[in-house]
ModelCIF file with pLDDT and N, C-alpha, C, O atoms, coordinates in Angstrom:
data_MODEL
#
_entry.id   MODEL 
#
_entity.id                         1 
_entity.type                       polymer 
_entity.pdbx_number_of_molecules   1 
#
_entity_poly.entity_id                      1 
_entity_poly.type                           'polypeptide(L)' 
_entity_poly.nstd_linkage                   no 
_entity_poly.nstd_monomer                   no 
_entity_poly.pdbx_seq_one_letter_code       
;(UNK)(UNK)(UNK)(UNK)(UNK)(UNK)(UNK)(UNK)(UNK)(UNK)(UNK)(UNK)(UNK)(UNK)(UNK)(UNK)
(UNK)(UNK)(UNK)(UNK)(UNK)(UNK)(UNK)(UNK)(UNK)(UNK)(UNK)(UNK)(UNK)(UNK)(UNK)(UNK)
(UNK)(UNK)(UNK)(UNK)(UNK)(UNK)(UNK)(UNK)(UNK)(UNK)(UNK)(UNK)(UNK)(UNK)(UNK)
;
_entity_poly.pdbx_seq_one_letter_code_can   XXXXXXXXXXXXXXXXXXXXXXXXXXXXXXXXXXXXXXXXXXXXXXX 
_entity_poly.pdbx_strand_id                 A 
#
loop_
_entity_poly_seq.entity_id 
_entity_poly_seq.num 
_entity_poly_seq.mon_id 
_entity_poly_seq.hetero 
1 1  UNK n 
1 2  UNK n 
1 3  UNK n 
1 4  UNK n 
1 5  UNK n 
1 6  UNK n 
1 7  UNK n 
1 8  UNK n 
1 9  UNK n 
1 10 UNK n 
1 11 UNK n 
1 12 UNK n 
1 13 UNK n 
1 14 UNK n 
1 15 UNK n 
1 16 UNK n 
1 17 UNK n 
1 18 UNK n 
1 19 UNK n 
1 20 UNK n 
1 21 UNK n 
1 22 UNK n 
1 23 UNK n 
1 24 UNK n 
1 25 UNK n 
1 26 UNK n 
1 27 UNK n 
1 28 UNK n 
1 29 UNK n 
1 30 UNK n 
1 31 UNK n 
1 32 UNK n 
1 33 UNK n 
1 34 UNK n 
1 35 UNK n 
1 36 UNK n 
1 37 UNK n 
1 38 UNK n 
1 39 UNK n 
1 40 UNK n 
1 41 UNK n 
1 42 UNK n 
1 43 UNK n 
1 44 UNK n 
1 45 UNK n 
1 46 UNK n 
1 47 UNK n 
#
_struct_asym.id          A 
_struct_asym.entity_id   1 
#
loop_
_ma_qa_metric.id 
_ma_qa_metric.mode 
_ma_qa_metric.name 
_ma_qa_metric.software_group_id 
_ma_qa_metric.type 
1 global pLDDT . pLDDT 
2 local  pLDDT . pLDDT 
#
_ma_qa_metric_global.metric_id      1 
_ma_qa_metric_global.metric_value   87.36 
_ma_qa_metric_global.model_id       1 
_ma_qa_metric_global.ordinal_id     1 
#
loop_
_ma_qa_metric_local.label_asym_id 
_ma_qa_metric_local.label_comp_id 
_ma_qa_metric_local.label_seq_id 
_ma_qa_metric_local.metric_id 
_ma_qa_metric_local.metric_value 
_ma_qa_metric_local.model_id 
_ma_qa_metric_local.ordinal_id 
A UNK 1  2 92.00 1 1  
A UNK 2  2 92.00 1 2  
A UNK 3  2 90.00 1 3  
A UNK 4  2 91.00 1 4  
A UNK 5  2 92.00 1 5  
A UNK 6  2 91.00 1 6  
A UNK 7  2 90.00 1 7  
A UNK 8  2 89.00 1 8  
A UNK 9  2 84.00 1 9  
A UNK 10 2 86.00 1 10 
A UNK 11 2 83.00 1 11 
A UNK 12 2 79.00 1 12 
A UNK 13 2 82.00 1 13 
A UNK 14 2 86.00 1 14 
A UNK 15 2 91.00 1 15 
A UNK 16 2 93.00 1 16 
A UNK 17 2 94.00 1 17 
A UNK 18 2 95.00 1 18 
A UNK 19 2 96.00 1 19 
A UNK 20 2 97.00 1 20 
A UNK 21 2 96.00 1 21 
A UNK 22 2 97.00 1 22 
A UNK 23 2 98.00 1 23 
A UNK 24 2 98.00 1 24 
A UNK 25 2 97.00 1 25 
A UNK 26 2 98.00 1 26 
A UNK 27 2 97.00 1 27 
A UNK 28 2 97.00 1 28 
A UNK 29 2 97.00 1 29 
A UNK 30 2 96.00 1 30 
A UNK 31 2 94.00 1 31 
A UNK 32 2 88.00 1 32 
A UNK 33 2 86.00 1 33 
A UNK 34 2 85.00 1 34 
A UNK 35 2 86.00 1 35 
A UNK 36 2 80.00 1 36 
A UNK 37 2 71.00 1 37 
A UNK 38 2 66.00 1 38 
A UNK 39 2 65.00 1 39 
A UNK 40 2 68.00 1 40 
A UNK 41 2 74.00 1 41 
A UNK 42 2 78.00 1 42 
A UNK 43 2 78.00 1 43 
A UNK 44 2 77.00 1 44 
A UNK 45 2 79.00 1 45 
A UNK 46 2 81.00 1 46 
A UNK 47 2 86.00 1 47 
#
loop_
_atom_site.group_PDB 
_atom_site.id 
_atom_site.type_symbol 
_atom_site.label_atom_id 
_atom_site.label_alt_id 
_atom_site.label_comp_id 
_atom_site.label_asym_id 
_atom_site.label_entity_id 
_atom_site.label_seq_id 
_atom_site.pdbx_PDB_ins_code 
_atom_site.Cartn_x 
_atom_site.Cartn_y 
_atom_site.Cartn_z 
_atom_site.occupancy 
_atom_site.B_iso_or_equiv 
_atom_site.pdbx_formal_charge 
_atom_site.auth_seq_id 
_atom_site.auth_comp_id 
_atom_site.auth_asym_id 
_atom_site.auth_atom_id 
_atom_site.pdbx_PDB_model_num 
ATOM 1   N N  . UNK A 1 1  ? 111.681 118.265 91.507  1.00 92.00 ? 1  UNK A N  1 
ATOM 2   C CA . UNK A 1 1  ? 110.607 117.396 91.036  1.00 92.00 ? 1  UNK A CA 1 
ATOM 3   C C  . UNK A 1 1  ? 111.152 116.197 90.269  1.00 92.00 ? 1  UNK A C  1 
ATOM 4   O O  . UNK A 1 1  ? 110.675 115.075 90.444  1.00 92.00 ? 1  UNK A O  1 
ATOM 5   N N  . UNK A 1 2  ? 112.151 116.432 89.421  1.00 92.00 ? 2  UNK A N  1 
ATOM 6   C CA . UNK A 1 2  ? 112.763 115.323 88.683  1.00 92.00 ? 2  UNK A CA 1 
ATOM 7   C C  . UNK A 1 2  ? 113.344 114.293 89.642  1.00 92.00 ? 2  UNK A C  1 
ATOM 8   O O  . UNK A 1 2  ? 113.254 113.088 89.408  1.00 92.00 ? 2  UNK A O  1 
ATOM 9   N N  . UNK A 1 3  ? 113.942 114.783 90.726  1.00 90.00 ? 3  UNK A N  1 
ATOM 10  C CA . UNK A 1 3  ? 114.585 113.888 91.692  1.00 90.00 ? 3  UNK A CA 1 
ATOM 11  C C  . UNK A 1 3  ? 113.564 113.033 92.431  1.00 90.00 ? 3  UNK A C  1 
ATOM 12  O O  . UNK A 1 3  ? 113.790 111.838 92.626  1.00 90.00 ? 3  UNK A O  1 
ATOM 13  N N  . UNK A 1 4  ? 112.432 113.629 92.850  1.00 91.00 ? 4  UNK A N  1 
ATOM 14  C CA . UNK A 1 4  ? 111.478 112.824 93.617  1.00 91.00 ? 4  UNK A CA 1 
ATOM 15  C C  . UNK A 1 4  ? 110.739 111.820 92.722  1.00 91.00 ? 4  UNK A C  1 
ATOM 16  O O  . UNK A 1 4  ? 110.366 110.742 93.187  1.00 91.00 ? 4  UNK A O  1 
ATOM 17  N N  . UNK A 1 5  ? 110.523 112.163 91.442  1.00 92.00 ? 5  UNK A N  1 
ATOM 18  C CA . UNK A 1 5  ? 109.903 111.193 90.537  1.00 92.00 ? 5  UNK A CA 1 
ATOM 19  C C  . UNK A 1 5  ? 110.860 110.031 90.300  1.00 92.00 ? 5  UNK A C  1 
ATOM 20  O O  . UNK A 1 5  ? 110.439 108.875 90.271  1.00 92.00 ? 5  UNK A O  1 
ATOM 21  N N  . UNK A 1 6  ? 112.139 110.331 90.132  1.00 91.00 ? 6  UNK A N  1 
ATOM 22  C CA . UNK A 1 6  ? 113.129 109.271 89.947  1.00 91.00 ? 6  UNK A CA 1 
ATOM 23  C C  . UNK A 1 6  ? 113.214 108.396 91.189  1.00 91.00 ? 6  UNK A C  1 
ATOM 24  O O  . UNK A 1 6  ? 113.362 107.178 91.087  1.00 91.00 ? 6  UNK A O  1 
ATOM 25  N N  . UNK A 1 7  ? 113.118 109.019 92.367  1.00 90.00 ? 7  UNK A N  1 
ATOM 26  C CA . UNK A 1 7  ? 113.134 108.275 93.626  1.00 90.00 ? 7  UNK A CA 1 
ATOM 27  C C  . UNK A 1 7  ? 111.943 107.324 93.691  1.00 90.00 ? 7  UNK A C  1 
ATOM 28  O O  . UNK A 1 7  ? 112.080 106.186 94.141  1.00 90.00 ? 7  UNK A O  1 
ATOM 29  N N  . UNK A 1 8  ? 110.784 107.781 93.246  1.00 89.00 ? 8  UNK A N  1 
ATOM 30  C CA . UNK A 1 8  ? 109.593 106.935 93.236  1.00 89.00 ? 8  UNK A CA 1 
ATOM 31  C C  . UNK A 1 8  ? 109.792 105.717 92.334  1.00 89.00 ? 8  UNK A C  1 
ATOM 32  O O  . UNK A 1 8  ? 109.366 104.612 92.672  1.00 89.00 ? 8  UNK A O  1 
ATOM 33  N N  . UNK A 1 9  ? 110.437 105.922 91.198  1.00 84.00 ? 9  UNK A N  1 
ATOM 34  C CA . UNK A 1 9  ? 110.644 104.828 90.248  1.00 84.00 ? 9  UNK A CA 1 
ATOM 35  C C  . UNK A 1 9  ? 111.628 103.787 90.769  1.00 84.00 ? 9  UNK A C  1 
ATOM 36  O O  . UNK A 1 9  ? 111.520 102.602 90.453  1.00 84.00 ? 9  UNK A O  1 
ATOM 37  N N  . UNK A 1 10 ? 112.600 104.250 91.579  1.00 86.00 ? 10 UNK A N  1 
ATOM 38  C CA . UNK A 1 10 ? 113.691 103.370 92.008  1.00 86.00 ? 10 UNK A CA 1 
ATOM 39  C C  . UNK A 1 10 ? 113.453 102.706 93.354  1.00 86.00 ? 10 UNK A C  1 
ATOM 40  O O  . UNK A 1 10 ? 114.143 101.746 93.698  1.00 86.00 ? 10 UNK A O  1 
ATOM 41  N N  . UNK A 1 11 ? 112.498 103.197 94.114  1.00 83.00 ? 11 UNK A N  1 
ATOM 42  C CA . UNK A 1 11 ? 112.279 102.688 95.462  1.00 83.00 ? 11 UNK A CA 1 
ATOM 43  C C  . UNK A 1 11 ? 110.804 102.402 95.699  1.00 83.00 ? 11 UNK A C  1 
ATOM 44  O O  . UNK A 1 11 ? 109.957 102.651 94.841  1.00 83.00 ? 11 UNK A O  1 
ATOM 45  N N  . UNK A 1 12 ? 110.520 101.876 96.878  1.00 79.00 ? 12 UNK A N  1 
ATOM 46  C CA . UNK A 1 12 ? 109.133 101.631 97.275  1.00 79.00 ? 12 UNK A CA 1 
ATOM 47  C C  . UNK A 1 12 ? 108.621 102.716 98.209  1.00 79.00 ? 12 UNK A C  1 
ATOM 48  O O  . UNK A 1 12 ? 107.618 102.521 98.894  1.00 79.00 ? 12 UNK A O  1 
ATOM 49  N N  . UNK A 1 13 ? 109.301 103.859 98.243  1.00 82.00 ? 13 UNK A N  1 
ATOM 50  C CA . UNK A 1 13 ? 108.872 104.957 99.091  1.00 82.00 ? 13 UNK A CA 1 
ATOM 51  C C  . UNK A 1 13 ? 107.533 105.498 98.586  1.00 82.00 ? 13 UNK A C  1 
ATOM 52  O O  . UNK A 1 13 ? 107.355 105.710 97.386  1.00 82.00 ? 13 UNK A O  1 
ATOM 53  N N  . UNK A 1 14 ? 106.604 105.718 99.499  1.00 86.00 ? 14 UNK A N  1 
ATOM 54  C CA . UNK A 1 14 ? 105.288 106.246 99.120  1.00 86.00 ? 14 UNK A CA 1 
ATOM 55  C C  . UNK A 1 14 ? 105.348 107.767 99.062  1.00 86.00 ? 14 UNK A C  1 
ATOM 56  O O  . UNK A 1 14 ? 105.229 108.444 100.084 1.00 86.00 ? 14 UNK A O  1 
ATOM 57  N N  . UNK A 1 15 ? 105.533 108.291 97.862  1.00 91.00 ? 15 UNK A N  1 
ATOM 58  C CA . UNK A 1 15 ? 105.627 109.744 97.669  1.00 91.00 ? 15 UNK A CA 1 
ATOM 59  C C  . UNK A 1 15 ? 104.286 110.252 97.154  1.00 91.00 ? 15 UNK A C  1 
ATOM 60  O O  . UNK A 1 15 ? 103.689 109.652 96.260  1.00 91.00 ? 15 UNK A O  1 
ATOM 61  N N  . UNK A 1 16 ? 103.820 111.347 97.717  1.00 93.00 ? 16 UNK A N  1 
ATOM 62  C CA . UNK A 1 16 ? 102.571 111.964 97.257  1.00 93.00 ? 16 UNK A CA 1 
ATOM 63  C C  . UNK A 1 16 ? 102.858 113.376 96.768  1.00 93.00 ? 16 UNK A C  1 
ATOM 64  O O  . UNK A 1 16 ? 103.792 114.031 97.233  1.00 93.00 ? 16 UNK A O  1 
ATOM 65  N N  . UNK A 1 17 ? 102.049 113.831 95.831  1.00 94.00 ? 17 UNK A N  1 
ATOM 66  C CA . UNK A 1 17 ? 102.295 115.123 95.199  1.00 94.00 ? 17 UNK A CA 1 
ATOM 67  C C  . UNK A 1 17 ? 100.955 115.816 94.948  1.00 94.00 ? 17 UNK A C  1 
ATOM 68  O O  . UNK A 1 17 ? 99.924  115.161 94.795  1.00 94.00 ? 17 UNK A O  1 
ATOM 69  N N  . UNK A 1 18 ? 100.986 117.138 94.910  1.00 95.00 ? 18 UNK A N  1 
ATOM 70  C CA . UNK A 1 18 ? 99.786  117.910 94.586  1.00 95.00 ? 18 UNK A CA 1 
ATOM 71  C C  . UNK A 1 18 ? 99.838  118.315 93.114  1.00 95.00 ? 18 UNK A C  1 
ATOM 72  O O  . UNK A 1 18 ? 100.896 118.679 92.601  1.00 95.00 ? 18 UNK A O  1 
ATOM 73  N N  . UNK A 1 19 ? 98.697  118.250 92.444  1.00 96.00 ? 19 UNK A N  1 
ATOM 74  C CA . UNK A 1 19 ? 98.590  118.543 91.017  1.00 96.00 ? 19 UNK A CA 1 
ATOM 75  C C  . UNK A 1 19 ? 97.888  119.886 90.814  1.00 96.00 ? 19 UNK A C  1 
ATOM 76  O O  . UNK A 1 19 ? 96.997  120.251 91.581  1.00 96.00 ? 19 UNK A O  1 
ATOM 77  N N  . UNK A 1 20 ? 98.297  120.618 89.774  1.00 97.00 ? 20 UNK A N  1 
ATOM 78  C CA . UNK A 1 20 ? 97.632  121.868 89.416  1.00 97.00 ? 20 UNK A CA 1 
ATOM 79  C C  . UNK A 1 20 ? 96.270  121.525 88.807  1.00 97.00 ? 20 UNK A C  1 
ATOM 80  O O  . UNK A 1 20 ? 96.186  121.046 87.676  1.00 97.00 ? 20 UNK A O  1 
ATOM 81  N N  . UNK A 1 21 ? 95.222  121.773 89.564  1.00 96.00 ? 21 UNK A N  1 
ATOM 82  C CA . UNK A 1 21 ? 93.886  121.397 89.110  1.00 96.00 ? 21 UNK A CA 1 
ATOM 83  C C  . UNK A 1 21 ? 93.290  122.401 88.122  1.00 96.00 ? 21 UNK A C  1 
ATOM 84  O O  . UNK A 1 21 ? 92.275  122.118 87.485  1.00 96.00 ? 21 UNK A O  1 
ATOM 85  N N  . UNK A 1 22 ? 93.921  123.577 87.996  1.00 97.00 ? 22 UNK A N  1 
ATOM 86  C CA . UNK A 1 22 ? 93.340  124.651 87.187  1.00 97.00 ? 22 UNK A CA 1 
ATOM 87  C C  . UNK A 1 22 ? 94.087  124.909 85.881  1.00 97.00 ? 22 UNK A C  1 
ATOM 88  O O  . UNK A 1 22 ? 93.826  125.915 85.222  1.00 97.00 ? 22 UNK A O  1 
ATOM 89  N N  . UNK A 1 23 ? 95.014  124.025 85.488  1.00 98.00 ? 23 UNK A N  1 
ATOM 90  C CA . UNK A 1 23 ? 95.746  124.239 84.228  1.00 98.00 ? 23 UNK A CA 1 
ATOM 91  C C  . UNK A 1 23 ? 95.999  122.907 83.552  1.00 98.00 ? 23 UNK A C  1 
ATOM 92  O O  . UNK A 1 23 ? 96.321  121.914 84.205  1.00 98.00 ? 23 UNK A O  1 
ATOM 93  N N  . UNK A 1 24 ? 95.847  122.898 82.223  1.00 98.00 ? 24 UNK A N  1 
ATOM 94  C CA . UNK A 1 24 ? 96.095  121.698 81.432  1.00 98.00 ? 24 UNK A CA 1 
ATOM 95  C C  . UNK A 1 24 ? 96.886  122.109 80.189  1.00 98.00 ? 24 UNK A C  1 
ATOM 96  O O  . UNK A 1 24 ? 96.731  123.229 79.702  1.00 98.00 ? 24 UNK A O  1 
ATOM 97  N N  . UNK A 1 25 ? 97.732  121.215 79.672  1.00 97.00 ? 25 UNK A N  1 
ATOM 98  C CA . UNK A 1 25 ? 98.623  121.577 78.572  1.00 97.00 ? 25 UNK A CA 1 
ATOM 99  C C  . UNK A 1 25 ? 98.433  120.725 77.333  1.00 97.00 ? 25 UNK A C  1 
ATOM 100 O O  . UNK A 1 25 ? 97.691  119.743 77.338  1.00 97.00 ? 25 UNK A O  1 
ATOM 101 N N  . UNK A 1 26 ? 99.128  121.128 76.254  1.00 98.00 ? 26 UNK A N  1 
ATOM 102 C CA . UNK A 1 26 ? 99.042  120.480 74.942  1.00 98.00 ? 26 UNK A CA 1 
ATOM 103 C C  . UNK A 1 26 ? 100.407 119.889 74.598  1.00 98.00 ? 26 UNK A C  1 
ATOM 104 O O  . UNK A 1 26 ? 101.368 120.631 74.393  1.00 98.00 ? 26 UNK A O  1 
ATOM 105 N N  . UNK A 1 27 ? 100.497 118.572 74.533  1.00 97.00 ? 27 UNK A N  1 
ATOM 106 C CA . UNK A 1 27 ? 101.778 117.875 74.425  1.00 97.00 ? 27 UNK A CA 1 
ATOM 107 C C  . UNK A 1 27 ? 102.613 118.227 73.191  1.00 97.00 ? 27 UNK A C  1 
ATOM 108 O O  . UNK A 1 27 ? 103.828 118.372 73.327  1.00 97.00 ? 27 UNK A O  1 
ATOM 109 N N  . UNK A 1 28 ? 102.028 118.374 71.985  1.00 97.00 ? 28 UNK A N  1 
ATOM 110 C CA . UNK A 1 28 ? 102.874 118.689 70.821  1.00 97.00 ? 28 UNK A CA 1 
ATOM 111 C C  . UNK A 1 28 ? 103.649 120.002 70.943  1.00 97.00 ? 28 UNK A C  1 
ATOM 112 O O  . UNK A 1 28 ? 104.604 120.221 70.199  1.00 97.00 ? 28 UNK A O  1 
ATOM 113 N N  . UNK A 1 29 ? 103.254 120.870 71.863  1.00 97.00 ? 29 UNK A N  1 
ATOM 114 C CA . UNK A 1 29 ? 103.941 122.154 72.021  1.00 97.00 ? 29 UNK A CA 1 
ATOM 115 C C  . UNK A 1 29 ? 105.035 122.122 73.081  1.00 97.00 ? 29 UNK A C  1 
ATOM 116 O O  . UNK A 1 29 ? 105.716 123.125 73.296  1.00 97.00 ? 29 UNK A O  1 
ATOM 117 N N  . UNK A 1 30 ? 105.211 120.984 73.746  1.00 96.00 ? 30 UNK A N  1 
ATOM 118 C CA . UNK A 1 30 ? 106.153 120.910 74.871  1.00 96.00 ? 30 UNK A CA 1 
ATOM 119 C C  . UNK A 1 30 ? 107.586 121.124 74.404  1.00 96.00 ? 30 UNK A C  1 
ATOM 120 O O  . UNK A 1 30 ? 108.044 120.487 73.455  1.00 96.00 ? 30 UNK A O  1 
ATOM 121 N N  . UNK A 1 31 ? 108.282 122.022 75.078  1.00 94.00 ? 31 UNK A N  1 
ATOM 122 C CA . UNK A 1 31 ? 109.668 122.339 74.748  1.00 94.00 ? 31 UNK A CA 1 
ATOM 123 C C  . UNK A 1 31 ? 110.446 122.500 76.049  1.00 94.00 ? 31 UNK A C  1 
ATOM 124 O O  . UNK A 1 31 ? 110.140 123.375 76.860  1.00 94.00 ? 31 UNK A O  1 
ATOM 125 N N  . UNK A 1 32 ? 111.445 121.660 76.241  1.00 88.00 ? 32 UNK A N  1 
ATOM 126 C CA . UNK A 1 32 ? 112.223 121.684 77.486  1.00 88.00 ? 32 UNK A CA 1 
ATOM 127 C C  . UNK A 1 32 ? 112.972 123.007 77.628  1.00 88.00 ? 32 UNK A C  1 
ATOM 128 O O  . UNK A 1 32 ? 113.529 123.519 76.657  1.00 88.00 ? 32 UNK A O  1 
ATOM 129 N N  . UNK A 1 33 ? 112.982 123.545 78.819  1.00 86.00 ? 33 UNK A N  1 
ATOM 130 C CA . UNK A 1 33 ? 113.726 124.776 79.079  1.00 86.00 ? 33 UNK A CA 1 
ATOM 131 C C  . UNK A 1 33 ? 114.969 124.461 79.915  1.00 86.00 ? 33 UNK A C  1 
ATOM 132 O O  . UNK A 1 33 ? 115.076 123.393 80.517  1.00 86.00 ? 33 UNK A O  1 
ATOM 133 N N  . UNK A 1 34 ? 115.898 125.406 79.936  1.00 85.00 ? 34 UNK A N  1 
ATOM 134 C CA . UNK A 1 34 ? 117.128 125.243 80.708  1.00 85.00 ? 34 UNK A CA 1 
ATOM 135 C C  . UNK A 1 34 ? 117.284 126.431 81.633  1.00 85.00 ? 34 UNK A C  1 
ATOM 136 O O  . UNK A 1 34 ? 117.245 127.580 81.191  1.00 85.00 ? 34 UNK A O  1 
ATOM 137 N N  . UNK A 1 35 ? 117.461 126.158 82.914  1.00 86.00 ? 35 UNK A N  1 
ATOM 138 C CA . UNK A 1 35 ? 117.775 127.199 83.890  1.00 86.00 ? 35 UNK A CA 1 
ATOM 139 C C  . UNK A 1 35 ? 118.850 126.650 84.809  1.00 86.00 ? 35 UNK A C  1 
ATOM 140 O O  . UNK A 1 35 ? 118.771 125.512 85.270  1.00 86.00 ? 35 UNK A O  1 
ATOM 141 N N  . UNK A 1 36 ? 119.842 127.463 85.065  1.00 80.00 ? 36 UNK A N  1 
ATOM 142 C CA . UNK A 1 36 ? 120.936 127.025 85.924  1.00 80.00 ? 36 UNK A CA 1 
ATOM 143 C C  . UNK A 1 36 ? 120.822 127.693 87.288  1.00 80.00 ? 36 UNK A C  1 
ATOM 144 O O  . UNK A 1 36 ? 120.709 128.915 87.387  1.00 80.00 ? 36 UNK A O  1 
ATOM 145 N N  . UNK A 1 37 ? 120.853 126.877 88.332  1.00 71.00 ? 37 UNK A N  1 
ATOM 146 C CA . UNK A 1 37 ? 120.825 127.413 89.683  1.00 71.00 ? 37 UNK A CA 1 
ATOM 147 C C  . UNK A 1 37 ? 121.467 126.386 90.611  1.00 71.00 ? 37 UNK A C  1 
ATOM 148 O O  . UNK A 1 37 ? 121.606 125.214 90.263  1.00 71.00 ? 37 UNK A O  1 
ATOM 149 N N  . UNK A 1 38 ? 121.845 126.841 91.771  1.00 66.00 ? 38 UNK A N  1 
ATOM 150 C CA . UNK A 1 38 ? 122.553 125.977 92.712  1.00 66.00 ? 38 UNK A CA 1 
ATOM 151 C C  . UNK A 1 38 ? 122.047 126.223 94.120  1.00 66.00 ? 38 UNK A C  1 
ATOM 152 O O  . UNK A 1 38 ? 121.588 127.319 94.443  1.00 66.00 ? 38 UNK A O  1 
ATOM 153 N N  . UNK A 1 39 ? 122.132 125.200 94.955  1.00 65.00 ? 39 UNK A N  1 
ATOM 154 C CA . UNK A 1 39 ? 121.842 125.379 96.374  1.00 65.00 ? 39 UNK A CA 1 
ATOM 155 C C  . UNK A 1 39 ? 122.830 124.525 97.153  1.00 65.00 ? 39 UNK A C  1 
ATOM 156 O O  . UNK A 1 39 ? 123.420 123.591 96.609  1.00 65.00 ? 39 UNK A O  1 
ATOM 157 N N  . UNK A 1 40 ? 123.004 124.847 98.422  1.00 68.00 ? 40 UNK A N  1 
ATOM 158 C CA . UNK A 1 40 ? 124.057 124.230 99.221  1.00 68.00 ? 40 UNK A CA 1 
ATOM 159 C C  . UNK A 1 40 ? 123.467 123.537 100.446 1.00 68.00 ? 40 UNK A C  1 
ATOM 160 O O  . UNK A 1 40 ? 122.623 124.104 101.140 1.00 68.00 ? 40 UNK A O  1 
ATOM 161 N N  . UNK A 1 41 ? 123.907 122.329 100.704 1.00 74.00 ? 41 UNK A N  1 
ATOM 162 C CA . UNK A 1 41 ? 123.520 121.602 101.902 1.00 74.00 ? 41 UNK A CA 1 
ATOM 163 C C  . UNK A 1 41 ? 124.769 121.230 102.677 1.00 74.00 ? 41 UNK A C  1 
ATOM 164 O O  . UNK A 1 41 ? 125.776 121.931 102.578 1.00 74.00 ? 41 UNK A O  1 
ATOM 165 N N  . UNK A 1 42 ? 124.736 120.144 103.450 1.00 78.00 ? 42 UNK A N  1 
ATOM 166 C CA . UNK A 1 42 ? 125.938 119.721 104.176 1.00 78.00 ? 42 UNK A CA 1 
ATOM 167 C C  . UNK A 1 42 ? 127.035 119.308 103.202 1.00 78.00 ? 42 UNK A C  1 
ATOM 168 O O  . UNK A 1 42 ? 126.741 118.852 102.097 1.00 78.00 ? 42 UNK A O  1 
ATOM 169 N N  . UNK A 1 43 ? 128.269 119.458 103.590 1.00 78.00 ? 43 UNK A N  1 
ATOM 170 C CA . UNK A 1 43 ? 129.400 119.091 102.728 1.00 78.00 ? 43 UNK A CA 1 
ATOM 171 C C  . UNK A 1 43 ? 129.231 117.644 102.276 1.00 78.00 ? 43 UNK A C  1 
ATOM 172 O O  . UNK A 1 43 ? 129.113 116.734 103.097 1.00 78.00 ? 43 UNK A O  1 
ATOM 173 N N  . UNK A 1 44 ? 129.220 117.444 100.957 1.00 77.00 ? 44 UNK A N  1 
ATOM 174 C CA . UNK A 1 44 ? 128.878 116.128 100.413 1.00 77.00 ? 44 UNK A CA 1 
ATOM 175 C C  . UNK A 1 44 ? 130.121 115.271 100.207 1.00 77.00 ? 44 UNK A C  1 
ATOM 176 O O  . UNK A 1 44 ? 131.207 115.768 99.908  1.00 77.00 ? 44 UNK A O  1 
ATOM 177 N N  . UNK A 1 45 ? 129.922 113.971 100.376 1.00 79.00 ? 45 UNK A N  1 
ATOM 178 C CA . UNK A 1 45 ? 130.984 113.000 100.107 1.00 79.00 ? 45 UNK A CA 1 
ATOM 179 C C  . UNK A 1 45 ? 130.334 111.755 99.539  1.00 79.00 ? 45 UNK A C  1 
ATOM 180 O O  . UNK A 1 45 ? 129.216 111.405 99.919  1.00 79.00 ? 45 UNK A O  1 
ATOM 181 N N  . UNK A 1 46 ? 131.035 111.074 98.620  1.00 81.00 ? 46 UNK A N  1 
ATOM 182 C CA . UNK A 1 46 ? 130.507 109.807 98.101  1.00 81.00 ? 46 UNK A CA 1 
ATOM 183 C C  . UNK A 1 46 ? 130.456 108.739 99.186  1.00 81.00 ? 46 UNK A C  1 
ATOM 184 O O  . UNK A 1 46 ? 129.736 107.748 99.065  1.00 81.00 ? 46 UNK A O  1 
ATOM 185 N N  . UNK A 1 47 ? 131.230 108.956 100.247 1.00 86.00 ? 47 UNK A N  1 
ATOM 186 C CA . UNK A 1 47 ? 131.155 108.068 101.414 1.00 86.00 ? 47 UNK A CA 1 
ATOM 187 C C  . UNK A 1 47 ? 130.006 108.567 102.287 1.00 86.00 ? 47 UNK A C  1 
ATOM 188 O O  . UNK A 1 47 ? 129.732 107.987 103.337 1.00 86.00 ? 47 UNK A O  1 
#
């Protein structure tokens, strides 16, 4: 999700997203969490 929002900010790509219509939150309580995980795609190169 962080990646596609950043992509939207940096490009003119028309990205659409679905929102949770049944839940709302309280901003003063927001606390970032940390989870480590990995996934693998094609062998990456800066080229």
